[in-house]
């Protein structure tokens, strides 16, 4: 089966590569970004672990990484990508800069979600003599709707970044659109790719909103 002289297998391969990149980078973002956002929040709060030096370092690192355009980040991290994966092309290699970009991005969203927690809840937890571990267990459920919304936004952003990564050898949707849609003047392929991406974004946002509402105690 073909679509505008392009085997359907190419479409399947491209989207599998995209989901592979998305899965790796999103996992890295959740595993590292959520704790990082929590640490940035805690080190800025005098009632917790206030540490101006650590907070300043983490804050600066997050700001610097987020300030670098993703295309430049792709190129700048080529040595690190080569060292980690042994190659600079393919979905696995593209997952390295995607992860580096996603971690501080999600960390900032997690920090913002934590700052939305009413001060009264934080002060009450501290006044009762709760340990730091217990306080974190209180903070996370309270901020969970915001964290879920942040993960949803990060997923959508990574989908766009992964398409960009395809331009420089990452494979996936971007590679498909450029090689077969742009270079071969197959407008149908380009438009179809965009249409599928729009549907994927809508599905991701819909699922994220559903999960967020279920975790929001105020919605009940």
Foldseek 3Di string as FASTA:
>chain_A
DADPPHDVVLQVVQAVLLVVLLVLLLVLQVVQQLVLLVVLQQCVDPLHNPDPVVNVVSVVLLVVLQVDPLVVLLVVCQVVLCVPPVDSAESSSLSVSSNSSNRSQLSNQNNVLLVPPDVVVVVVCVVVVHDPVVSVVVSCLSSVLSSLVSSLVSSLVSSVSCLVSLVVRHGHLVVQCCPCCPVVVPVVSNVVSVVVSVVVNVVSVVVSVVVSCVSHPVND
